[in-house]
Full PDB file with SEQRES, HELIX, SHEET, SSBOND, CRYST1, ORIGX, SCALE, CONECT and MASTER records, all heavy atoms in Angstrom:
SEQRES   1 A   37  GLY LEU VAL GLN PRO GLY GLY SER LEU ARG LEU SER CYS          
SEQRES   2 A   37  ALA ALA SER GLY SER LEU PHE ARG ILE TYR THR MET GLY          
SEQRES   3 A   37  TRP TYR ARG GLN ALA PRO GLY LYS GLN ARG GLU                  
HELIX    1 AA1 PHE A   20  ILE A   22  5                                   3    
CRYST1    1.000    1.000    1.000  90.00  90.00  90.00 P 1           1          
ORIGX1      1.000000  0.000000  0.000000        0.00000                         
ORIGX2      0.000000  1.000000  0.000000        0.00000                         
ORIGX3      0.000000  0.000000  1.000000        0.00000                         
SCALE1      1.000000  0.000000  0.000000        0.00000                         
SCALE2      0.000000  1.000000  0.000000        0.00000                         
SCALE3      0.000000  0.000000  1.000000        0.00000                         
ATOM      1  N   GLY A   1      -6.008   4.603   6.976  1.00  0.00           N  
ATOM      2  CA  GLY A   1      -7.339   5.131   7.135  1.00  0.00           C  
ATOM      3  C   GLY A   1      -8.075   5.266   5.830  1.00  0.00           C  
ATOM      4  O   GLY A   1      -7.651   4.718   4.810  1.00  0.00           O  
ATOM      5  N   LEU A   2      -9.167   6.001   5.888  1.00  0.00           N  
ATOM      6  CA  LEU A   2     -10.011   6.246   4.731  1.00  0.00           C  
ATOM      7  C   LEU A   2      -9.714   7.639   4.190  1.00  0.00           C  
ATOM      8  O   LEU A   2      -9.724   8.612   4.967  1.00  0.00           O  
ATOM      9  CB  LEU A   2     -11.489   6.117   5.099  1.00  0.00           C  
ATOM     10  CG  LEU A   2     -12.498   6.514   4.030  1.00  0.00           C  
ATOM     11  CD1 LEU A   2     -12.412   5.597   2.819  1.00  0.00           C  
ATOM     12  CD2 LEU A   2     -13.906   6.506   4.631  1.00  0.00           C  
ATOM     13  N   VAL A   3      -9.464   7.743   2.907  1.00  0.00           N  
ATOM     14  CA  VAL A   3      -9.147   9.043   2.281  1.00  0.00           C  
ATOM     15  C   VAL A   3      -9.784   9.112   0.917  1.00  0.00           C  
ATOM     16  O   VAL A   3      -9.986   8.074   0.265  1.00  0.00           O  
ATOM     17  CB  VAL A   3      -7.617   9.239   2.194  1.00  0.00           C  
ATOM     18  CG1 VAL A   3      -6.983   8.203   1.292  1.00  0.00           C  
ATOM     19  CG2 VAL A   3      -7.248  10.657   1.783  1.00  0.00           C  
ATOM     20  N   GLN A   4     -10.155  10.314   0.480  1.00  0.00           N  
ATOM     21  CA  GLN A   4     -10.751  10.503  -0.833  1.00  0.00           C  
ATOM     22  C   GLN A   4      -9.661  10.441  -1.904  1.00  0.00           C  
ATOM     23  O   GLN A   4      -8.493  10.764  -1.638  1.00  0.00           O  
ATOM     24  CB  GLN A   4     -11.494  11.823  -0.895  1.00  0.00           C  
ATOM     25  CG  GLN A   4     -12.728  11.869  -0.011  1.00  0.00           C  
ATOM     26  CD  GLN A   4     -13.517  13.141  -0.213  1.00  0.00           C  
ATOM     27  OE1 GLN A   4     -13.015  14.131  -0.726  1.00  0.00           O  
ATOM     28  NE2 GLN A   4     -14.768  13.122   0.217  1.00  0.00           N  
ATOM     29  N   PRO A   5     -10.037  10.123  -3.122  1.00  0.00           N  
ATOM     30  CA  PRO A   5      -9.073  10.164  -4.237  1.00  0.00           C  
ATOM     31  C   PRO A   5      -8.452  11.546  -4.327  1.00  0.00           C  
ATOM     32  O   PRO A   5      -9.111  12.576  -4.169  1.00  0.00           O  
ATOM     33  CB  PRO A   5      -9.942   9.869  -5.469  1.00  0.00           C  
ATOM     34  CG  PRO A   5     -11.049   9.026  -4.938  1.00  0.00           C  
ATOM     35  CD  PRO A   5     -11.341   9.577  -3.556  1.00  0.00           C  
ATOM     36  N   GLY A   6      -7.118  11.528  -4.546  1.00  0.00           N  
ATOM     37  CA  GLY A   6      -6.368  12.788  -4.582  1.00  0.00           C  
ATOM     38  C   GLY A   6      -5.829  13.216  -3.225  1.00  0.00           C  
ATOM     39  O   GLY A   6      -5.008  14.161  -3.162  1.00  0.00           O  
ATOM     40  N   GLY A   7      -6.233  12.539  -2.185  1.00  0.00           N  
ATOM     41  CA  GLY A   7      -5.794  12.908  -0.832  1.00  0.00           C  
ATOM     42  C   GLY A   7      -4.434  12.303  -0.481  1.00  0.00           C  
ATOM     43  O   GLY A   7      -3.793  11.631  -1.324  1.00  0.00           O  
ATOM     44  N   SER A   8      -4.044  12.527   0.762  1.00  0.00           N  
ATOM     45  CA  SER A   8      -2.718  12.094   1.225  1.00  0.00           C  
ATOM     46  C   SER A   8      -2.828  11.358   2.558  1.00  0.00           C  
ATOM     47  O   SER A   8      -3.728  11.641   3.346  1.00  0.00           O  
ATOM     48  CB  SER A   8      -1.780  13.277   1.395  1.00  0.00           C  
ATOM     49  OG  SER A   8      -1.563  13.948   0.178  1.00  0.00           O  
ATOM     50  N   LEU A   9      -1.895  10.493   2.778  1.00  0.00           N  
ATOM     51  CA  LEU A   9      -1.722   9.796   4.070  1.00  0.00           C  
ATOM     52  C   LEU A   9      -0.233   9.600   4.294  1.00  0.00           C  
ATOM     53  O   LEU A   9       0.531   9.480   3.333  1.00  0.00           O  
ATOM     54  CB  LEU A   9      -2.413   8.445   4.088  1.00  0.00           C  
ATOM     55  CG  LEU A   9      -3.921   8.349   4.247  1.00  0.00           C  
ATOM     56  CD1 LEU A   9      -4.379   6.916   4.113  1.00  0.00           C  
ATOM     57  CD2 LEU A   9      -4.355   8.941   5.586  1.00  0.00           C  
ATOM     58  N   ARG A  10       0.143   9.526   5.553  1.00  0.00           N  
ATOM     59  CA  ARG A  10       1.512   9.208   5.915  1.00  0.00           C  
ATOM     60  C   ARG A  10       1.528   8.014   6.825  1.00  0.00           C  
ATOM     61  O   ARG A  10       0.980   8.055   7.938  1.00  0.00           O  
ATOM     62  CB  ARG A  10       2.172  10.400   6.627  1.00  0.00           C  
ATOM     63  CG  ARG A  10       3.670  10.216   6.843  1.00  0.00           C  
ATOM     64  CD  ARG A  10       4.180  11.227   7.859  1.00  0.00           C  
ATOM     65  NE  ARG A  10       5.625  11.371   7.853  1.00  0.00           N  
ATOM     66  CZ  ARG A  10       6.332  11.834   8.862  1.00  0.00           C  
ATOM     67  NH1 ARG A  10       5.715  12.257   9.966  1.00  0.00           N  
ATOM     68  NH2 ARG A  10       7.643  11.964   8.775  1.00  0.00           N  
ATOM     69  N   LEU A  11       2.143   6.932   6.372  1.00  0.00           N  
ATOM     70  CA  LEU A  11       2.273   5.735   7.172  1.00  0.00           C  
ATOM     71  C   LEU A  11       3.579   5.767   7.940  1.00  0.00           C  
ATOM     72  O   LEU A  11       4.600   6.269   7.435  1.00  0.00           O  
ATOM     73  CB  LEU A  11       2.221   4.484   6.295  1.00  0.00           C  
ATOM     74  CG  LEU A  11       1.016   4.314   5.380  1.00  0.00           C  
ATOM     75  CD1 LEU A  11       1.131   2.978   4.659  1.00  0.00           C  
ATOM     76  CD2 LEU A  11      -0.266   4.429   6.162  1.00  0.00           C  
ATOM     77  N   SER A  12       3.555   5.226   9.151  1.00  0.00           N  
ATOM     78  CA  SER A  12       4.747   5.118   9.978  1.00  0.00           C  
ATOM     79  C   SER A  12       4.935   3.672  10.399  1.00  0.00           C  
ATOM     80  O   SER A  12       3.955   2.945  10.563  1.00  0.00           O  
ATOM     81  CB  SER A  12       4.636   5.989  11.230  1.00  0.00           C  
ATOM     82  OG  SER A  12       4.488   7.354  10.897  1.00  0.00           O  
ATOM     83  N   CYS A  13       6.179   3.273  10.593  1.00  0.00           N  
ATOM     84  CA  CYS A  13       6.502   1.925  11.048  1.00  0.00           C  
ATOM     85  C   CYS A  13       7.618   2.052  12.069  1.00  0.00           C  
ATOM     86  O   CYS A  13       8.746   2.419  11.712  1.00  0.00           O  
ATOM     87  CB  CYS A  13       6.898   1.033   9.906  1.00  0.00           C  
ATOM     88  SG  CYS A  13       7.546  -0.575  10.445  1.00  0.00           S  
ATOM     89  N   ALA A  14       7.301   1.757  13.312  1.00  0.00           N  
ATOM     90  CA  ALA A  14       8.296   1.804  14.393  1.00  0.00           C  
ATOM     91  C   ALA A  14       8.840   0.399  14.654  1.00  0.00           C  
ATOM     92  O   ALA A  14       8.090  -0.561  14.798  1.00  0.00           O  
ATOM     93  CB  ALA A  14       7.659   2.352  15.653  1.00  0.00           C  
ATOM     94  N   ALA A  15      10.169   0.298  14.652  1.00  0.00           N  
ATOM     95  CA  ALA A  15      10.834  -0.994  14.801  1.00  0.00           C  
ATOM     96  C   ALA A  15      11.516  -1.126  16.153  1.00  0.00           C  
ATOM     97  O   ALA A  15      12.147  -0.167  16.610  1.00  0.00           O  
ATOM     98  CB  ALA A  15      11.851  -1.184  13.694  1.00  0.00           C  
ATOM     99  N   SER A  16      11.409  -2.302  16.759  1.00  0.00           N  
ATOM    100  CA  SER A  16      12.173  -2.580  17.959  1.00  0.00           C  
ATOM    101  C   SER A  16      13.507  -3.200  17.535  1.00  0.00           C  
ATOM    102  O   SER A  16      13.734  -3.461  16.363  1.00  0.00           O  
ATOM    103  CB  SER A  16      11.409  -3.530  18.856  1.00  0.00           C  
ATOM    104  OG  SER A  16      11.263  -4.789  18.225  1.00  0.00           O  
ATOM    105  N   GLY A  17      14.359  -3.469  18.491  1.00  0.00           N  
ATOM    106  CA  GLY A  17      15.625  -4.099  18.180  1.00  0.00           C  
ATOM    107  C   GLY A  17      16.725  -3.102  17.906  1.00  0.00           C  
ATOM    108  O   GLY A  17      16.486  -1.889  17.747  1.00  0.00           O  
ATOM    109  N   SER A  18      17.917  -3.637  17.812  1.00  0.00           N  
ATOM    110  CA  SER A  18      19.078  -2.773  17.628  1.00  0.00           C  
ATOM    111  C   SER A  18      19.534  -2.723  16.171  1.00  0.00           C  
ATOM    112  O   SER A  18      19.028  -3.487  15.342  1.00  0.00           O  
ATOM    113  CB  SER A  18      20.232  -3.316  18.486  1.00  0.00           C  
ATOM    114  OG  SER A  18      20.540  -4.654  18.124  1.00  0.00           O  
ATOM    115  N   LEU A  19      20.427  -1.817  15.879  1.00  0.00           N  
ATOM    116  CA  LEU A  19      21.052  -1.715  14.566  1.00  0.00           C  
ATOM    117  C   LEU A  19      20.030  -1.460  13.463  1.00  0.00           C  
ATOM    118  O   LEU A  19      20.247  -1.869  12.307  1.00  0.00           O  
ATOM    119  CB  LEU A  19      21.852  -2.971  14.252  1.00  0.00           C  
ATOM    120  CG  LEU A  19      22.989  -3.277  15.212  1.00  0.00           C  
ATOM    121  CD1 LEU A  19      23.697  -4.599  14.832  1.00  0.00           C  
ATOM    122  CD2 LEU A  19      24.011  -2.124  15.257  1.00  0.00           C  
ATOM    123  N   PHE A  20      18.982  -0.713  13.780  1.00  0.00           N  
ATOM    124  CA  PHE A  20      17.954  -0.413  12.758  1.00  0.00           C  
ATOM    125  C   PHE A  20      18.599   0.185  11.529  1.00  0.00           C  
ATOM    126  O   PHE A  20      18.203  -0.111  10.399  1.00  0.00           O  
ATOM    127  CB  PHE A  20      16.927   0.554  13.404  1.00  0.00           C  
ATOM    128  CG  PHE A  20      15.949   1.128  12.403  1.00  0.00           C  
ATOM    129  CD1 PHE A  20      14.783   0.429  12.083  1.00  0.00           C  
ATOM    130  CD2 PHE A  20      16.152   2.369  11.817  1.00  0.00           C  
ATOM    131  CE1 PHE A  20      13.866   0.937  11.192  1.00  0.00           C  
ATOM    132  CE2 PHE A  20      15.226   2.906  10.933  1.00  0.00           C  
ATOM    133  CZ  PHE A  20      14.071   2.172  10.622  1.00  0.00           C  
ATOM    134  N   ARG A  21      19.596   1.021  11.764  1.00  0.00           N  
ATOM    135  CA  ARG A  21      20.169   1.829  10.678  1.00  0.00           C  
ATOM    136  C   ARG A  21      20.822   0.987   9.594  1.00  0.00           C  
ATOM    137  O   ARG A  21      20.981   1.464   8.461  1.00  0.00           O  
ATOM    138  CB  ARG A  21      21.187   2.828  11.240  1.00  0.00           C  
ATOM    139  CG  ARG A  21      22.458   2.151  11.784  1.00  0.00           C  
ATOM    140  CD  ARG A  21      23.375   3.138  12.446  1.00  0.00           C  
ATOM    141  NE  ARG A  21      24.630   2.490  12.882  1.00  0.00           N  
ATOM    142  CZ  ARG A  21      24.743   1.753  13.977  1.00  0.00           C  
ATOM    143  NH1 ARG A  21      23.692   1.561  14.766  1.00  0.00           N  
ATOM    144  NH2 ARG A  21      25.903   1.232  14.315  1.00  0.00           N  
ATOM    145  N   ILE A  22      21.179  -0.265   9.866  1.00  0.00           N  
ATOM    146  CA  ILE A  22      21.908  -1.044   8.869  1.00  0.00           C  
ATOM    147  C   ILE A  22      21.026  -1.874   7.982  1.00  0.00           C  
ATOM    148  O   ILE A  22      21.530  -2.471   6.996  1.00  0.00           O  
ATOM    149  CB  ILE A  22      22.986  -1.940   9.523  1.00  0.00           C  
ATOM    150  CG1 ILE A  22      22.320  -3.121  10.253  1.00  0.00           C  
ATOM    151  CG2 ILE A  22      23.896  -1.135  10.445  1.00  0.00           C  
ATOM    152  CD1 ILE A  22      23.350  -4.139  10.739  1.00  0.00           C  
ATOM    153  N   TYR A  23      19.735  -1.917   8.299  1.00  0.00           N  
ATOM    154  CA  TYR A  23      18.846  -2.814   7.565  1.00  0.00           C  
ATOM    155  C   TYR A  23      18.005  -2.090   6.511  1.00  0.00           C  
ATOM    156  O   TYR A  23      17.579  -0.940   6.718  1.00  0.00           O  
ATOM    157  CB  TYR A  23      17.902  -3.540   8.516  1.00  0.00           C  
ATOM    158  CG  TYR A  23      18.636  -4.407   9.522  1.00  0.00           C  
ATOM    159  CD1 TYR A  23      18.587  -4.143  10.867  1.00  0.00           C  
ATOM    160  CD2 TYR A  23      19.412  -5.478   9.077  1.00  0.00           C  
ATOM    161  CE1 TYR A  23      19.279  -4.903  11.777  1.00  0.00           C  
ATOM    162  CE2 TYR A  23      20.104  -6.251   9.994  1.00  0.00           C  
ATOM    163  CZ  TYR A  23      20.057  -5.955  11.343  1.00  0.00           C  
ATOM    164  OH  TYR A  23      20.737  -6.738  12.229  1.00  0.00           O  
ATOM    165  N   THR A  24      17.782  -2.779   5.412  1.00  0.00           N  
ATOM    166  CA  THR A  24      16.847  -2.303   4.412  1.00  0.00           C  
ATOM    167  C   THR A  24      15.443  -2.422   4.944  1.00  0.00           C  
ATOM    168  O   THR A  24      15.061  -3.488   5.452  1.00  0.00           O  
ATOM    169  CB  THR A  24      16.983  -3.086   3.108  1.00  0.00           C  
ATOM    170  OG1 THR A  24      18.273  -2.821   2.517  1.00  0.00           O  
ATOM    171  CG2 THR A  24      15.931  -2.694   2.108  1.00  0.00           C  
ATOM    172  N   MET A  25      14.687  -1.345   4.800  1.00  0.00           N  
ATOM    173  CA  MET A  25      13.272  -1.313   5.219  1.00  0.00           C  
ATOM    174  C   MET A  25      12.413  -1.170   3.975  1.00  0.00           C  
ATOM    175  O   MET A  25      12.820  -0.531   2.997  1.00  0.00           O  
ATOM    176  CB  MET A  25      13.021  -0.160   6.174  1.00  0.00           C  
ATOM    177  CG  MET A  25      13.823  -0.209   7.466  1.00  0.00           C  
ATOM    178  SD  MET A  25      13.461  -1.635   8.474  1.00  0.00           S  
ATOM    179  CE  MET A  25      11.729  -1.348   8.879  1.00  0.00           C  
ATOM    180  N   GLY A  26      11.224  -1.753   4.058  1.00  0.00           N  
ATOM    181  CA  GLY A  26      10.358  -1.650   2.906  1.00  0.00           C  
ATOM    182  C   GLY A  26       8.882  -1.575   3.283  1.00  0.00           C  
ATOM    183  O   GLY A  26       8.505  -1.876   4.415  1.00  0.00           O  
ATOM    184  N   TRP A  27       8.089  -1.108   2.316  1.00  0.00           N  
ATOM    185  CA  TRP A  27       6.633  -1.138   2.424  1.00  0.00           C  
ATOM    186  C   TRP A  27       6.098  -2.012   1.301  1.00  0.00           C  
ATOM    187  O   TRP A  27       6.537  -1.886   0.147  1.00  0.00           O  
ATOM    188  CB  TRP A  27       6.050   0.267   2.298  1.00  0.00           C  
ATOM    189  CG  TRP A  27       6.283   1.136   3.490  1.00  0.00           C  
ATOM    190  CD1 TRP A  27       7.262   2.048   3.668  1.00  0.00           C  
ATOM    191  CD2 TRP A  27       5.501   1.152   4.676  1.00  0.00           C  
ATOM    192  NE1 TRP A  27       7.129   2.666   4.902  1.00  0.00           N  
ATOM    193  CE2 TRP A  27       6.069   2.113   5.538  1.00  0.00           C  
ATOM    194  CE3 TRP A  27       4.356   0.447   5.122  1.00  0.00           C  
ATOM    195  CZ2 TRP A  27       5.526   2.386   6.803  1.00  0.00           C  
ATOM    196  CZ3 TRP A  27       3.840   0.752   6.362  1.00  0.00           C  
ATOM    197  CH2 TRP A  27       4.422   1.710   7.194  1.00  0.00           C  
ATOM    198  N   TYR A  28       5.199  -2.922   1.674  1.00  0.00           N  
ATOM    199  CA  TYR A  28       4.500  -3.775   0.738  1.00  0.00           C  
ATOM    200  C   TYR A  28       3.017  -3.537   0.909  1.00  0.00           C  
ATOM    201  O   TYR A  28       2.570  -2.963   1.931  1.00  0.00           O  
ATOM    202  CB  TYR A  28       4.818  -5.244   1.018  1.00  0.00           C  
ATOM    203  CG  TYR A  28       6.227  -5.657   0.686  1.00  0.00           C  
ATOM    204  CD1 TYR A  28       7.320  -5.224   1.449  1.00  0.00           C  
ATOM    205  CD2 TYR A  28       6.496  -6.494  -0.394  1.00  0.00           C  
ATOM    206  CE1 TYR A  28       8.607  -5.581   1.155  1.00  0.00           C  
ATOM    207  CE2 TYR A  28       7.778  -6.893  -0.691  1.00  0.00           C  
ATOM    208  CZ  TYR A  28       8.822  -6.444   0.062  1.00  0.00           C  
ATOM    209  OH  TYR A  28      10.118  -6.841  -0.238  1.00  0.00           O  
ATOM    210  N   ARG A  29       2.234  -3.979  -0.061  1.00  0.00           N  
ATOM    211  CA  ARG A  29       0.776  -3.887   0.066  1.00  0.00           C  
ATOM    212  C   ARG A  29       0.086  -5.096  -0.538  1.00  0.00           C  
ATOM    213  O   ARG A  29       0.665  -5.732  -1.430  1.00  0.00           O  
ATOM    214  CB  ARG A  29       0.251  -2.601  -0.554  1.00  0.00           C  
ATOM    215  CG  ARG A  29       0.405  -2.524  -2.063  1.00  0.00           C  
ATOM    216  CD  ARG A  29      -0.004  -1.150  -2.560  1.00  0.00           C  
ATOM    217  NE  ARG A  29       0.145  -1.029  -4.013  1.00  0.00           N  
ATOM    218  CZ  ARG A  29      -0.016   0.113  -4.686  1.00  0.00           C  
ATOM    219  NH1 ARG A  29      -0.347   1.243  -4.024  1.00  0.00           N  
ATOM    220  NH2 ARG A  29       0.116   0.139  -5.996  1.00  0.00           N  
ATOM    221  N   GLN A  30      -1.082  -5.401  -0.021  1.00  0.00           N  
ATOM    222  CA  GLN A  30      -1.867  -6.506  -0.531  1.00  0.00           C  
ATOM    223  C   GLN A  30      -3.327  -6.091  -0.644  1.00  0.00           C  
ATOM    224  O   GLN A  30      -3.947  -5.787   0.385  1.00  0.00           O  
ATOM    225  CB  GLN A  30      -1.717  -7.736   0.362  1.00  0.00           C  
ATOM    226  CG  GLN A  30      -2.363  -8.970  -0.234  1.00  0.00           C  
ATOM    227  CD  GLN A  30      -1.943 -10.241   0.491  1.00  0.00           C  
ATOM    228  OE1 GLN A  30      -1.449 -10.220   1.619  1.00  0.00           O  
ATOM    229  NE2 GLN A  30      -2.122 -11.374  -0.168  1.00  0.00           N  
ATOM    230  N   ALA A  31      -3.809  -6.069  -1.848  1.00  0.00           N  
ATOM    231  CA  ALA A  31      -5.214  -5.743  -2.115  1.00  0.00           C  
ATOM    232  C   ALA A  31      -6.020  -7.041  -2.075  1.00  0.00           C  
ATOM    233  O   ALA A  31      -5.465  -8.126  -2.282  1.00  0.00           O  
ATOM    234  CB  ALA A  31      -5.359  -5.066  -3.443  1.00  0.00           C  
ATOM    235  N   PRO A  32      -7.328  -6.949  -1.839  1.00  0.00           N  
ATOM    236  CA  PRO A  32      -8.154  -8.163  -1.796  1.00  0.00           C  
ATOM    237  C   PRO A  32      -8.046  -8.970  -3.072  1.00  0.00           C  
ATOM    238  O   PRO A  32      -8.143  -8.416  -4.170  1.00  0.00           O  
ATOM    239  CB  PRO A  32      -9.565  -7.601  -1.613  1.00  0.00           C  
ATOM    240  CG  PRO A  32      -9.368  -6.275  -0.948  1.00  0.00           C  
ATOM    241  CD  PRO A  32      -8.078  -5.738  -1.506  1.00  0.00           C  
ATOM    242  N   GLY A  33      -7.769 -10.270  -2.918  1.00  0.00           N  
ATOM    243  CA  GLY A  33      -7.708 -11.154  -4.064  1.00  0.00           C  
ATOM    244  C   GLY A  33      -6.414 -11.051  -4.853  1.00  0.00           C  
ATOM    245  O   GLY A  33      -6.292 -11.693  -5.924  1.00  0.00           O  
ATOM    246  N   LYS A  34      -5.457 -10.283  -4.372  1.00  0.00           N  
ATOM    247  CA  LYS A  34      -4.189 -10.107  -5.093  1.00  0.00           C  
ATOM    248  C   LYS A  34      -3.022 -10.538  -4.239  1.00  0.00           C  
ATOM    249  O   LYS A  34      -3.132 -10.625  -3.002  1.00  0.00           O  
ATOM    250  CB  LYS A  34      -4.020  -8.656  -5.541  1.00  0.00           C  
ATOM    251  CG  LYS A  34      -5.049  -8.197  -6.562  1.00  0.00           C  
ATOM    252  CD  LYS A  34      -4.728  -6.833  -7.084  1.00  0.00           C  
ATOM    253  CE  LYS A  34      -5.702  -6.411  -8.186  1.00  0.00           C  
ATOM    254  NZ  LYS A  34      -5.365  -5.056  -8.736  1.00  0.00           N  
ATOM    255  N   GLN A  35      -1.892 -10.767  -4.887  1.00  0.00           N  
ATOM    256  CA  GLN A  35      -0.688 -11.088  -4.141  1.00  0.00           C  
ATOM    257  C   GLN A  35      -0.085  -9.848  -3.503  1.00  0.00           C  
ATOM    258  O   GLN A  35      -0.291  -8.720  -3.995  1.00  0.00           O  
ATOM    259  CB  GLN A  35       0.327 -11.742  -5.092  1.00  0.00           C  
ATOM    260  CG  GLN A  35      -0.062 -13.137  -5.541  1.00  0.00           C  
ATOM    261  CD  GLN A  35       1.053 -13.845  -6.303  1.00  0.00           C  
ATOM    262  OE1 GLN A  35       1.889 -13.199  -6.922  1.00  0.00           O  
ATOM    263  NE2 GLN A  35       1.066 -15.150  -6.247  1.00  0.00           N  
ATOM    264  N   ARG A  36       0.662 -10.066  -2.467  1.00  0.00           N  
ATOM    265  CA  ARG A  36       1.375  -8.952  -1.831  1.00  0.00           C  
ATOM    266  C   ARG A  36       2.442  -8.452  -2.825  1.00  0.00           C  
ATOM    267  O   ARG A  36       3.153  -9.241  -3.439  1.00  0.00           O  
ATOM    268  CB  ARG A  36       2.051  -9.426  -0.540  1.00  0.00           C  
ATOM    269  CG  ARG A  36       2.638  -8.299   0.301  1.00  0.00           C  
ATOM    270  CD  ARG A  36       3.126  -8.813   1.643  1.00  0.00           C  
ATOM    271  NE  ARG A  36       2.050  -9.379   2.452  1.00  0.00           N  
ATOM    272  CZ  ARG A  36       2.174  -9.735   3.716  1.00  0.00           C  
ATOM    273  NH1 ARG A  36       3.346  -9.585   4.333  1.00  0.00           N  
ATOM    274  NH2 ARG A  36       1.167 -10.238   4.369  1.00  0.00           N  
ATOM    275  N   GLU A  37       2.545  -7.121  -2.929  1.00  0.00           N  
ATOM    276  CA  GLU A  37       3.516  -6.537  -3.859  1.00  0.00           C  
ATOM    277  C   GLU A  37       4.369  -5.499  -3.153  1.00  0.00           C  
ATOM    278  O   GLU A  37       3.948  -4.836  -2.220  1.00  0.00           O  
ATOM    279  CB  GLU A  37       2.811  -5.875  -5.045  1.00  0.00           C  
ATOM    280  CG  GLU A  37       2.008  -4.644  -4.727  1.00  0.00           C  
ATOM    281  CD  GLU A  37       1.565  -3.849  -5.946  1.00  0.00           C  
ATOM    282  OE1 GLU A  37       2.029  -4.160  -7.065  1.00  0.00           O  
ATOM    283  OE2 GLU A  37       0.769  -2.906  -5.772  1.00  0.00           O  
TER     284      GLU A  37                                                      
MASTER        0    0    0    1    0    0    0    6  283    1    0    3          
END                                                                             
């Protein structure tokens, strides 16, 4: 969403499939004109 500087947000990611617990999970981001990091 939209937040002011200094504010907070909490992102969630729900996964389907089995054995979720054994896999590495990650968050990446991509800003306009930049590579995903």
